[in-house]
C-alpha atoms as a PDB file:
ATOM      1  CA  UNK A   1     -55.166 -14.386  48.515  1.00  0.00           C
ATOM      2  CA  UNK A   2     -56.072 -15.689  45.032  1.00  0.00           C
ATOM      3  CA  UNK A   3     -59.075 -15.384  42.570  1.00  0.00           C
ATOM      4  CA  UNK A   4     -59.974 -17.024  39.417  1.00  0.00           C
ATOM      5  CA  UNK A   5     -58.314 -15.304  36.383  1.00  0.00           C
ATOM      6  CA  UNK A   6     -59.514 -17.829  33.540  1.00  0.00           C
ATOM      7  CA  UNK A   7     -61.243 -21.257  33.056  1.00  0.00           C
ATOM      8  CA  UNK A   8     -60.448 -22.920  29.815  1.00  0.00           C
ATOM      9  CA  UNK A   9     -61.848 -26.222  28.212  1.00  0.00           C
ATOM     10  CA  UNK A  10     -59.266 -27.314  25.765  1.00  0.00           C
ATOM     11  CA  UNK A  11     -60.019 -28.243  22.316  1.00  0.00           C
ATOM     12  CA  UNK A  12     -57.000 -30.097  20.874  1.00  0.00           C
ATOM     13  CA  UNK A  13     -56.241 -32.349  18.041  1.00  0.00           C
ATOM     14  CA  UNK A  14     -53.500 -34.073  19.789  1.00  0.00           C
ATOM     15  CA  UNK A  15     -51.751 -33.919  23.051  1.00  0.00           C
ATOM     16  CA  UNK A  16     -49.212 -31.012  23.789  1.00  0.00           C
ATOM     17  CA  UNK A  17     -47.347 -29.578  26.606  1.00  0.00           C
ATOM     18  CA  UNK A  18     -49.533 -27.428  28.834  1.00  0.00           C
ATOM     19  CA  UNK A  19     -47.252 -24.419  28.985  1.00  0.00           C
ATOM     20  CA  UNK A  20     -47.086 -24.253  25.258  1.00  0.00           C
ATOM     21  CA  UNK A  21     -50.918 -24.659  24.849  1.00  0.00           C
ATOM     22  CA  UNK A  22     -51.359 -21.825  27.356  1.00  0.00           C
ATOM     23  CA  UNK A  23     -48.889 -19.691  25.740  1.00  0.00           C
ATOM     24  CA  UNK A  24     -51.094 -19.569  22.625  1.00  0.00           C
ATOM     25  CA  UNK A  25     -54.448 -19.522  24.430  1.00  0.00           C
ATOM     26  CA  UNK A  26     -53.579 -16.622  26.658  1.00  0.00           C
ATOM     27  CA  UNK A  27     -51.088 -14.562  24.382  1.00  0.00           C
ATOM     28  CA  UNK A  28     -48.560 -14.324  27.365  1.00  0.00           C
ATOM     29  CA  UNK A  29     -45.115 -15.395  27.418  1.00  0.00           C
ATOM     30  CA  UNK A  30     -44.038 -19.026  28.148  1.00  0.00           C
ATOM     31  CA  UNK A  31     -41.747 -17.744  31.048  1.00  0.00           C
ATOM     32  CA  UNK A  32     -45.122 -16.200  32.605  1.00  0.00           C
ATOM     33  CA  UNK A  33     -46.945 -19.314  32.053  1.00  0.00           C
ATOM     34  CA  UNK A  34     -44.271 -21.477  33.502  1.00  0.00           C
ATOM     35  CA  UNK A  35     -43.798 -19.265  36.610  1.00  0.00           C
ATOM     36  CA  UNK A  36     -47.564 -19.636  37.233  1.00  0.00           C
ATOM     37  CA  UNK A  37     -47.076 -23.486  37.007  1.00  0.00           C
ATOM     38  CA  UNK A  38     -44.257 -23.378  39.433  1.00  0.00           C
ATOM     39  CA  UNK A  39     -46.324 -21.366  41.914  1.00  0.00           C
ATOM     40  CA  UNK A  40     -49.296 -23.841  41.790  1.00  0.00           C
ATOM     41  CA  UNK A  41     -51.613 -21.239  40.114  1.00  0.00           C
ATOM     42  CA  UNK A  42     -52.752 -23.696  37.397  1.00  0.00           C
ATOM     43  CA  UNK A  43     -54.776 -26.805  37.785  1.00  0.00           C
ATOM     44  CA  UNK A  44     -56.115 -29.302  35.252  1.00  0.00           C
ATOM     45  CA  UNK A  45     -59.279 -31.231  36.077  1.00  0.00           C
ATOM     46  CA  UNK A  46     -58.897 -29.957  39.791  1.00  0.00           C
ATOM     47  CA  UNK A  47     -55.211 -31.111  40.298  1.00  0.00           C
ATOM     48  CA  UNK A  48     -52.117 -28.953  40.247  1.00  0.00           C
ATOM     49  CA  UNK A  49     -49.880 -29.994  37.499  1.00  0.00           C
ATOM     50  CA  UNK A  50     -46.373 -29.270  36.213  1.00  0.00           C
ATOM     51  CA  UNK A  51     -45.101 -27.255  32.965  1.00  0.00           C
ATOM     52  CA  UNK A  52     -44.500 -30.641  31.191  1.00  0.00           C
ATOM     53  CA  UNK A  53     -47.917 -31.978  31.697  1.00  0.00           C
ATOM     54  CA  UNK A  54     -49.378 -33.228  28.380  1.00  0.00           C
ATOM     55  CA  UNK A  55     -52.559 -31.551  27.678  1.00  0.00           C
ATOM     56  CA  UNK A  56     -55.588 -33.488  25.923  1.00  0.00           C
ATOM     57  CA  UNK A  57     -58.754 -32.196  24.332  1.00  0.00           C
ATOM     58  CA  UNK A  58     -61.331 -31.951  27.192  1.00  0.00           C
ATOM     59  CA  UNK A  59     -59.225 -30.962  29.795  1.00  0.00           C
ATOM     60  CA  UNK A  60     -60.534 -28.185  32.056  1.00  0.00           C
ATOM     61  CA  UNK A  61     -57.729 -25.748  33.084  1.00  0.00           C
ATOM     62  CA  UNK A  62     -58.291 -23.311  35.919  1.00  0.00           C
ATOM     63  CA  UNK A  63     -55.876 -20.507  36.636  1.00  0.00           C
ATOM     64  CA  UNK A  64     -55.737 -18.573  39.447  1.00  0.00           C
ATOM     65  CA  UNK A  65     -54.474 -14.983  39.914  1.00  0.00           C
ATOM     66  CA  UNK A  66     -52.758 -13.509  42.774  1.00  0.00           C
ATOM     67  CA  UNK A  67     -54.657 -10.746  44.496  1.00  0.00           C
ATOM     68  CA  UNK A  68     -51.906  -8.190  43.665  1.00  0.00           C
ATOM     69  CA  UNK A  69     -52.016  -9.289  39.996  1.00  0.00           C
ATOM     70  CA  UNK A  70     -55.555  -8.469  39.491  1.00  0.00           C
ATOM     71  CA  UNK A  71     -56.289  -5.809  37.188  1.00  0.00           C
ATOM     72  CA  UNK A  72     -57.959  -2.932  38.720  1.00  0.00           C
ATOM     73  CA  UNK A  73     -59.919  -0.799  36.253  1.00  0.00           C
ATOM     74  CA  UNK A  74     -59.642   2.885  36.801  1.00  0.00           C
ATOM     75  CA  UNK A  75     -61.949   5.567  35.352  1.00  0.00           C
ATOM     76  CA  UNK A  76     -60.445   7.860  32.935  1.00  0.00           C
ATOM     77  CA  UNK A  77     -61.583  11.123  31.482  1.00  0.00           C
ATOM     78  CA  UNK A  78     -61.634   9.911  27.751  1.00  0.00           C
ATOM     79  CA  UNK A  79     -63.863  11.594  25.298  1.00  0.00           C
ATOM     80  CA  UNK A  80     -66.650   9.190  24.123  1.00  0.00           C
ATOM     81  CA  UNK A  81     -68.707   9.579  20.704  1.00  0.00           C
ATOM     82  CA  UNK A  82     -72.031   8.650  22.221  1.00  0.00           C
ATOM     83  CA  UNK A  83     -74.768   8.088  19.746  1.00  0.00           C
ATOM     84  CA  UNK A  84     -77.586   7.439  21.918  1.00  0.00           C
ATOM     85  CA  UNK A  85     -78.019   7.049  25.858  1.00  0.00           C
ATOM     86  CA  UNK A  86     -81.002   6.739  28.326  1.00  0.00           C
ATOM     87  CA  UNK A  87     -81.262   5.374  31.609  1.00  0.00           C
ATOM     88  CA  UNK A  88     -80.717   1.586  30.423  1.00  0.00           C
ATOM     89  CA  UNK A  89     -78.205   1.570  27.799  1.00  0.00           C
ATOM     90  CA  UNK A  90     -75.445   3.383  25.815  1.00  0.00           C
ATOM     91  CA  UNK A  91     -74.584   3.315  22.136  1.00  0.00           C
ATOM     92  CA  UNK A  92     -71.238   4.294  21.499  1.00  0.00           C
ATOM     93  CA  UNK A  93     -69.110   4.836  18.301  1.00  0.00           C
ATOM     94  CA  UNK A  94     -65.532   3.246  19.064  1.00  0.00           C
ATOM     95  CA  UNK A  95     -62.744   4.805  17.035  1.00  0.00           C
ATOM     96  CA  UNK A  96     -60.196   2.441  15.347  1.00  0.00           C
ATOM     97  CA  UNK A  97     -57.016   1.982  17.717  1.00  0.00           C
ATOM     98  CA  UNK A  98     -59.120   2.052  20.958  1.00  0.00           C
ATOM     99  CA  UNK A  99     -58.761  -1.322  23.080  1.00  0.00           C
ATOM    100  CA  UNK A 100     -62.381  -2.232  24.289  1.00  0.00           C
ATOM    101  CA  UNK A 101     -61.376  -3.613  27.900  1.00  0.00           C
ATOM    102  CA  UNK A 102     -58.231  -3.511  30.026  1.00  0.00           C
ATOM    103  CA  UNK A 103     -56.076  -6.750  30.025  1.00  0.00           C
ATOM    104  CA  UNK A 104     -52.498  -7.503  30.484  1.00  0.00           C
ATOM    105  CA  UNK A 105     -50.618  -4.788  28.314  1.00  0.00           C
ATOM    106  CA  UNK A 106     -53.393  -2.562  27.935  1.00  0.00           C
ATOM    107  CA  UNK A 107     -54.164  -1.141  31.491  1.00  0.00           C
ATOM    108  CA  UNK A 108     -55.377   2.211  30.661  1.00  0.00           C
ATOM    109  CA  UNK A 109     -56.971   4.239  27.814  1.00  0.00           C
ATOM    110  CA  UNK A 110     -59.472   1.581  26.660  1.00  0.00           C
ATOM    111  CA  UNK A 111     -63.230   1.964  26.219  1.00  0.00           C
ATOM    112  CA  UNK A 112     -64.116   0.672  29.557  1.00  0.00           C
ATOM    113  CA  UNK A 113     -61.991   3.145  31.365  1.00  0.00           C
ATOM    114  CA  UNK A 114     -63.900   5.886  29.439  1.00  0.00           C
ATOM    115  CA  UNK A 115     -67.230   4.493  30.409  1.00  0.00           C
ATOM    116  CA  UNK A 116     -66.569   4.061  33.927  1.00  0.00           C
ATOM    117  CA  UNK A 117     -65.800   7.669  34.020  1.00  0.00           C
ATOM    118  CA  UNK A 118     -68.929   8.699  31.974  1.00  0.00           C
ATOM    119  CA  UNK A 119     -71.312   6.665  34.089  1.00  0.00           C
ATOM    120  CA  UNK A 120     -71.498   5.171  37.523  1.00  0.00           C
ATOM    121  CA  UNK A 121     -74.011   2.659  36.470  1.00  0.00           C
ATOM    122  CA  UNK A 122     -72.882  -0.140  34.329  1.00  0.00           C
ATOM    123  CA  UNK A 123     -73.728  -4.046  34.234  1.00  0.00           C
ATOM    124  CA  UNK A 124     -71.344  -6.349  35.874  1.00  0.00           C
ATOM    125  CA  UNK A 125     -72.843  -9.680  34.446  1.00  0.00           C
ATOM    126  CA  UNK A 126     -70.627 -11.732  32.283  1.00  0.00           C
ATOM    127  CA  UNK A 127     -70.188 -15.382  31.516  1.00  0.00           C
ATOM    128  CA  UNK A 128     -66.402 -15.054  31.949  1.00  0.00           C
ATOM    129  CA  UNK A 129     -64.184 -14.344  34.653  1.00  0.00           C
ATOM    130  CA  UNK A 130     -62.563 -11.312  33.670  1.00  0.00           C
ATOM    131  CA  UNK A 131     -64.605  -8.143  34.791  1.00  0.00           C
ATOM    132  CA  UNK A 132     -65.766  -6.175  31.729  1.00  0.00           C
ATOM    133  CA  UNK A 133     -68.453  -3.704  33.193  1.00  0.00           C
ATOM    134  CA  UNK A 134     -71.290  -2.815  30.606  1.00  0.00           C
ATOM    135  CA  UNK A 135     -69.811  -4.837  27.560  1.00  0.00           C
ATOM    136  CA  UNK A 136     -72.572  -6.843  25.917  1.00  0.00           C
ATOM    137  CA  UNK A 137     -70.386  -7.518  22.768  1.00  0.00           C
ATOM    138  CA  UNK A 138     -66.962  -6.476  21.621  1.00  0.00           C
ATOM    139  CA  UNK A 139     -65.082  -5.392  18.646  1.00  0.00           C
ATOM    140  CA  UNK A 140     -61.293  -5.664  17.911  1.00  0.00           C
ATOM    141  CA  UNK A 141     -59.077  -2.932  18.751  1.00  0.00           C
ATOM    142  CA  UNK A 142     -58.464  -1.773  15.149  1.00  0.00           C
ATOM    143  CA  UNK A 143     -62.009  -1.982  14.021  1.00  0.00           C
ATOM    144  CA  UNK A 144     -64.206   1.119  14.561  1.00  0.00           C
ATOM    145  CA  UNK A 145     -67.881   1.251  14.940  1.00  0.00           C
ATOM    146  CA  UNK A 146     -70.936   0.724  17.178  1.00  0.00           C
ATOM    147  CA  UNK A 147     -71.270  -0.953  20.266  1.00  0.00           C
ATOM    148  CA  UNK A 148     -74.275  -1.262  22.902  1.00  0.00           C
ATOM    149  CA  UNK A 149     -73.334  -0.956  26.535  1.00  0.00           C
ATOM    150  CA  UNK A 150     -75.813  -1.969  29.215  1.00  0.00           C
ATOM    151  CA  UNK A 151     -76.377   0.086  32.427  1.00  0.00           C
ATOM    152  CA  UNK A 152     -77.672  -2.790  34.532  1.00  0.00           C
ATOM    153  CA  UNK A 153     -77.442  -6.571  34.450  1.00  0.00           C
ATOM    154  CA  UNK A 154     -81.161  -7.082  33.592  1.00  0.00           C
ATOM    155  CA  UNK A 155     -80.731  -5.091  30.432  1.00  0.00           C
ATOM    156  CA  UNK A 156     -77.278  -6.714  29.704  1.00  0.00           C
ATOM    157  CA  UNK A 157     -78.966 -10.222  29.915  1.00  0.00           C
ATOM    158  CA  UNK A 158     -81.838  -9.229  27.578  1.00  0.00           C
ATOM    159  CA  UNK A 159     -79.353  -7.518  24.993  1.00  0.00           C
ATOM    160  CA  UNK A 160     -77.004 -10.733  25.091  1.00  0.00           C
ATOM    161  CA  UNK A 161     -80.119 -12.929  24.318  1.00  0.00           C
ATOM    162  CA  UNK A 162     -81.092 -10.840  21.353  1.00  0.00           C
ATOM    163  CA  UNK A 163     -77.425 -11.593  20.228  1.00  0.00           C
ATOM    164  CA  UNK A 164     -77.601 -15.344  20.937  1.00  0.00           C
ATOM    165  CA  UNK A 165     -80.912 -15.548  19.137  1.00  0.00           C
ATOM    166  CA  UNK A 166     -79.784 -13.515  16.185  1.00  0.00           C
ATOM    167  CA  UNK A 167     -82.282 -10.593  16.708  1.00  0.00           C
ATOM    168  CA  UNK A 168     -79.710  -7.954  16.769  1.00  0.00           C
ATOM    169  CA  UNK A 169     -78.687  -6.710  13.532  1.00  0.00           C
ATOM    170  CA  UNK A 170     -75.030  -5.937  13.185  1.00  0.00           C
ATOM    171  CA  UNK A 171     -73.656  -4.749   9.707  1.00  0.00           C
ATOM    172  CA  UNK A 172     -70.289  -4.039   8.917  1.00  0.00           C
ATOM    173  CA  UNK A 173     -68.404  -2.418   6.057  1.00  0.00           C
ATOM    174  CA  UNK A 174     -64.818  -3.353   4.735  1.00  0.00           C
ATOM    175  CA  UNK A 175     -62.439  -2.374   2.064  1.00  0.00           C
ATOM    176  CA  UNK A 176     -60.988  -5.926   0.739  1.00  0.00           C
ATOM    177  CA  UNK A 177     -58.767  -7.241  -1.832  1.00  0.00           C
ATOM    178  CA  UNK A 178     -59.944  -8.017  -5.276  1.00  0.00           C
ATOM    179  CA  UNK A 179     -63.317  -7.845  -7.234  1.00  0.00           C
ATOM    180  CA  UNK A 180     -66.298 -10.552  -6.841  1.00  0.00           C
ATOM    181  CA  UNK A 181     -68.031 -12.537  -9.507  1.00  0.00           C
ATOM    182  CA  UNK A 182     -71.385 -11.997  -7.657  1.00  0.00           C
ATOM    183  CA  UNK A 183     -72.759  -9.122  -5.787  1.00  0.00           C
ATOM    184  CA  UNK A 184     -74.050 -10.936  -2.794  1.00  0.00           C
ATOM    185  CA  UNK A 185     -72.937 -14.231  -1.048  1.00  0.00           C
ATOM    186  CA  UNK A 186     -72.720 -16.168   2.116  1.00  0.00           C
ATOM    187  CA  UNK A 187     -69.893 -17.546   3.823  1.00  0.00           C
ATOM    188  CA  UNK A 188     -71.022 -20.495   5.992  1.00  0.00           C
ATOM    189  CA  UNK A 189     -67.540 -22.030   7.291  1.00  0.00           C
ATOM    190  CA  UNK A 190     -66.890 -23.311  10.929  1.00  0.00           C
ATOM    191  CA  UNK A 191     -64.032 -21.377  12.788  1.00  0.00           C
ATOM    192  CA  UNK A 192     -61.381 -22.691  15.002  1.00  0.00           C
ATOM    193  CA  UNK A 193     -58.247 -21.448  16.722  1.00  0.00           C
ATOM    194  CA  UNK A 194     -55.181 -21.757  14.518  1.00  0.00           C
ATOM    195  CA  UNK A 195     -52.958 -24.562  15.625  1.00  0.00           C
ATOM    196  CA  UNK A 196     -49.748 -22.476  15.762  1.00  0.00           C
ATOM    197  CA  UNK A 197     -50.892 -18.835  15.841  1.00  0.00           C
ATOM    198  CA  UNK A 198     -53.588 -18.795  18.792  1.00  0.00           C
ATOM    199  CA  UNK A 199     -54.533 -15.314  18.064  1.00  0.00           C
ATOM    200  CA  UNK A 200     -55.848 -16.338  14.579  1.00  0.00           C
ATOM    201  CA  UNK A 201     -59.103 -17.976  13.570  1.00  0.00           C
ATOM    202  CA  UNK A 202     -59.367 -20.510  10.662  1.00  0.00           C
ATOM    203  CA  UNK A 203     -61.987 -22.254   8.752  1.00  0.00           C
ATOM    204  CA  UNK A 204     -61.808 -25.927  10.000  1.00  0.00           C
ATOM    205  CA  UNK A 205     -64.119 -28.736  10.097  1.00  0.00           C
ATOM    206  CA  UNK A 206     -65.344 -29.373  13.536  1.00  0.00           C
ATOM    207  CA  UNK A 207     -65.049 -25.739  14.356  1.00  0.00           C
ATOM    208  CA  UNK A 208     -67.804 -23.315  15.825  1.00  0.00           C
ATOM    209  CA  UNK A 209     -70.703 -22.623  13.386  1.00  0.00           C
ATOM    210  CA  UNK A 210     -70.139 -19.165  11.645  1.00  0.00           C
ATOM    211  CA  UNK A 211     -72.364 -17.467   8.973  1.00  0.00           C
ATOM    212  CA  UNK A 212     -71.415 -14.029   7.278  1.00  0.00           C
ATOM    213  CA  UNK A 213     -73.611 -12.729   4.576  1.00  0.00           C
ATOM    214  CA  UNK A 214     -71.985 -10.026   2.280  1.00  0.00           C
ATOM    215  CA  UNK A 215     -72.872  -7.570  -0.435  1.00  0.00           C
ATOM    216  CA  UNK A 216     -70.527  -5.587  -2.747  1.00  0.00           C
ATOM    217  CA  UNK A 217     -71.233  -1.907  -2.616  1.00  0.00           C
ATOM    218  CA  UNK A 218     -68.511  -0.716  -4.754  1.00  0.00           C
ATOM    219  CA  UNK A 219     -65.408  -1.831  -6.960  1.00  0.00           C
ATOM    220  CA  UNK A 220     -62.265   0.291  -7.539  1.00  0.00           C
ATOM    221  CA  UNK A 221     -58.572  -0.269  -8.624  1.00  0.00           C
ATOM    222  CA  UNK A 222     -57.684  -3.705  -7.141  1.00  0.00           C
ATOM    223  CA  UNK A 223     -60.229  -3.411  -4.279  1.00  0.00           C
ATOM    224  CA  UNK A 224     -63.846  -3.764  -3.347  1.00  0.00           C
ATOM    225  CA  UNK A 225     -66.128  -2.064  -0.725  1.00  0.00           C
ATOM    226  CA  UNK A 226     -68.492  -4.811   0.867  1.00  0.00           C
ATOM    227  CA  UNK A 227     -71.125  -4.801   3.459  1.00  0.00           C
ATOM    228  CA  UNK A 228     -71.021  -7.895   5.782  1.00  0.00           C
ATOM    229  CA  UNK A 229     -73.811  -8.937   8.161  1.00  0.00           C
ATOM    230  CA  UNK A 230     -73.116 -11.384  11.072  1.00  0.00           C
ATOM    231  CA  UNK A 231     -75.532 -14.071  11.548  1.00  0.00           C
ATOM    232  CA  UNK A 232     -73.193 -15.494  14.153  1.00  0.00           C
ATOM    233  CA  UNK A 233     -70.677 -13.401  16.415  1.00  0.00           C
ATOM    234  CA  UNK A 234     -67.495 -15.635  16.532  1.00  0.00           C
ATOM    235  CA  UNK A 235     -64.188 -14.072  17.308  1.00  0.00           C
ATOM    236  CA  UNK A 236     -62.675 -12.408  14.177  1.00  0.00           C
ATOM    237  CA  UNK A 237     -65.440 -13.896  12.046  1.00  0.00           C
ATOM    238  CA  UNK A 238     -65.516 -11.314   9.283  1.00  0.00           C
ATOM    239  CA  UNK A 239     -61.766 -11.147   9.222  1.00  0.00           C
ATOM    240  CA  UNK A 240     -61.250 -14.843   8.891  1.00  0.00           C
ATOM    241  CA  UNK A 241     -64.146 -15.459   6.370  1.00  0.00           C
ATOM    242  CA  UNK A 242     -62.886 -12.853   3.923  1.00  0.00           C
ATOM    243  CA  UNK A 243     -59.480 -14.458   4.017  1.00  0.00           C
ATOM    244  CA  UNK A 244     -60.946 -17.757   3.579  1.00  0.00           C
ATOM    245  CA  UNK A 245     -62.855 -16.579   0.283  1.00  0.00           C
ATOM    246  CA  UNK A 246     -59.594 -14.819  -0.913  1.00  0.00           C
ATOM    247  CA  UNK A 247     -60.521 -11.357  -0.203  1.00  0.00           C
ATOM    248  CA  UNK A 248     -58.866 -10.294   2.845  1.00  0.00           C
ATOM    249  CA  UNK A 249     -59.480  -6.844   4.623  1.00  0.00           C
ATOM    250  CA  UNK A 250     -57.033  -4.266   3.561  1.00  0.00           C
ATOM    251  CA  UNK A 251     -54.480  -3.683   6.340  1.00  0.00           C
ATOM    252  CA  UNK A 252     -55.526  -6.447   8.454  1.00  0.00           C
ATOM    253  CA  UNK A 253     -52.252  -7.428  10.272  1.00  0.00           C
ATOM    254  CA  UNK A 254     -53.344 -10.940  11.001  1.00  0.00           C
ATOM    255  CA  UNK A 255     -55.172 -11.959   7.945  1.00  0.00           C
ATOM    256  CA  UNK A 256     -53.788  -9.858   5.055  1.00  0.00           C
ATOM    257  CA  UNK A 257     -50.429 -10.965   3.705  1.00  0.00           C
ATOM    258  CA  UNK A 258     -49.260  -7.519   3.625  1.00  0.00           C
ATOM    259  CA  UNK A 259     -50.817  -6.577   6.871  1.00  0.00           C
ATOM    260  CA  UNK A 260     -47.603  -6.208   8.765  1.00  0.00           C
ATOM    261  CA  UNK A 261     -46.693  -3.373   6.245  1.00  0.00           C
ATOM    262  CA  UNK A 262     -50.061  -1.604   6.947  1.00  0.00           C
ATOM    263  CA  UNK A 263     -50.685   2.020   7.843  1.00  0.00           C
ATOM    264  CA  UNK A 264     -51.313   3.336  11.396  1.00  0.00           C
ATOM    265  CA  UNK A 265     -55.154   3.180  10.646  1.00  0.00           C
ATOM    266  CA  UNK A 266     -55.452  -0.519  11.136  1.00  0.00           C
ATOM    267  CA  UNK A 267     -57.765  -2.698   9.049  1.00  0.00           C
ATOM    268  CA  UNK A 268     -60.360  -1.209   7.096  1.00  0.00           C
ATOM    269  CA  UNK A 269     -63.473  -2.743   8.998  1.00  0.00           C
ATOM    270  CA  UNK A 270     -66.053  -0.493  10.390  1.00  0.00           C
ATOM    271  CA  UNK A 271     -69.460  -1.576  12.454  1.00  0.00           C
ATOM    272  CA  UNK A 272     -71.624   0.716  10.617  1.00  0.00           C
ATOM    273  CA  UNK A 273     -75.022  -0.448  11.423  1.00  0.00           C
ATOM    274  CA  UNK A 274     -76.665  -1.711  14.820  1.00  0.00           C
ATOM    275  CA  UNK A 275     -80.309  -2.549  15.445  1.00  0.00           C
ATOM    276  CA  UNK A 276     -82.051  -4.080  18.262  1.00  0.00           C
ATOM    277  CA  UNK A 277     -85.033  -3.855  20.497  1.00  0.00           C
ATOM    278  CA  UNK A 278     -85.009  -1.961  23.643  1.00  0.00           C
ATOM    279  CA  UNK A 279     -85.122  -4.316  26.398  1.00  0.00           C
ATOM    280  CA  UNK A 280     -87.521  -2.226  28.540  1.00  0.00           C
ATOM    281  CA  UNK A 281     -89.793  -0.116  26.251  1.00  0.00           C
ATOM    282  CA  UNK A 282     -89.842  -2.767  23.235  1.00  0.00           C
ATOM    283  CA  UNK A 283     -88.953  -0.022  20.639  1.00  0.00           C
ATOM    284  CA  UNK A 284     -87.000  -0.939  17.615  1.00  0.00           C
ATOM    285  CA  UNK A 285     -83.816   1.108  17.714  1.00  0.00           C
ATOM    286  CA  UNK A 286     -81.784   1.641  14.516  1.00  0.00           C
ATOM    287  CA  UNK A 287     -78.358   3.283  14.520  1.00  0.00           C
ATOM    288  CA  UNK A 288     -75.863   4.006  11.542  1.00  0.00           C
ATOM    289  CA  UNK A 289     -72.413   5.743  11.814  1.00  0.00           C
ATOM    290  CA  UNK A 290     -70.442   6.302   8.642  1.00  0.00           C
ATOM    291  CA  UNK A 291     -66.745   4.928   8.626  1.00  0.00           C
ATOM    292  CA  UNK A 292     -63.739   7.182   9.374  1.00  0.00           C
ATOM    293  CA  UNK A 293     -62.283   9.486   6.881  1.00  0.00           C
ATOM    294  CA  UNK A 294     -59.486   7.044   6.160  1.00  0.00           C
ATOM    295  CA  UNK A 295     -62.117   4.875   4.119  1.00  0.00           C
ATOM    296  CA  UNK A 296     -62.919   7.680   1.756  1.00  0.00           C
ATOM    297  CA  UNK A 297     -59.386   8.688   1.507  1.00  0.00           C
ATOM    298  CA  UNK A 298     -58.293   5.167   0.601  1.00  0.00           C
ATOM    299  CA  UNK A 299     -60.942   4.966  -2.049  1.00  0.00           C
ATOM    300  CA  UNK A 300     -60.166   8.338  -3.425  1.00  0.00           C
ATOM    301  CA  UNK A 301     -56.391   7.635  -3.545  1.00  0.00           C
ATOM    302  CA  UNK A 302     -57.263   4.562  -5.480  1.00  0.00           C
ATOM    303  CA  UNK A 303     -59.259   6.279  -8.068  1.00  0.00           C
ATOM    304  CA  UNK A 304     -62.726   5.099  -6.853  1.00  0.00           C
ATOM    305  CA  UNK A 305     -65.590   6.619  -5.420  1.00  0.00           C
ATOM    306  CA  UNK A 306     -67.745   5.951  -2.394  1.00  0.00           C
ATOM    307  CA  UNK A 307     -71.337   5.253  -2.414  1.00  0.00           C
ATOM    308  CA  UNK A 308     -73.711   3.721  -0.010  1.00  0.00           C
END
């Protein structure tokens, strides 16, 4: 028995070996991808292909998964920092270091594992093939802060529509390298996958539209504390945009030149503010949580001060 694991529509500038492309797209080893190809679990445009198939832009790739390989998500008694909850939704403050949902290499200890233990009513609607109960949006493992969780599919759909229509306000704060010439600014720069490091996003003509508004809250030593508001919600948007304007986020392992030498805390990026309309009551809900203590400790260590 098999089930669909992933469907991809490739966006490539030139033809490349399929096994190499999928290694970057999925973050898995080339050996794993080649074993799937050999087993006939990967098809392109409806036809099973070999590992040396030359993939091209526009190819539609379907990857099947053996039933025994499907990730089973188990409820786990993991403490949650719940900011708000009613019969329709949950707003949670995720700590830095917690993976949002199970995937290969992260089968337990995730936010979804904790949510399944906490609530027996979570949405299962998603536009992707991977089951992510309750998750309307996501933040990276090493980003802390606010997320809204849906308890049923109707609420999930309405919250997702607010994000798509830019009606959900999501504001982050970050500590970045350097000082700014202006207190406010907008980064309007399209993002695509990096050609060699498929985990990264880069500003590139022809990429997906991405807009980030920022405001400088404080400057100290060689750093600045900034507020970033998302107008779009692309993967790694703030991280990639801050690198693009030469102000990478401190400790960012992918986008900061010294990120590999970062402390255990991870990148200094925190989803501080979340505002949206309640899908059932129509009430405007506003939430704000201050960043982890590591933010203030870093600023104090660098002889600055923390002010909102």
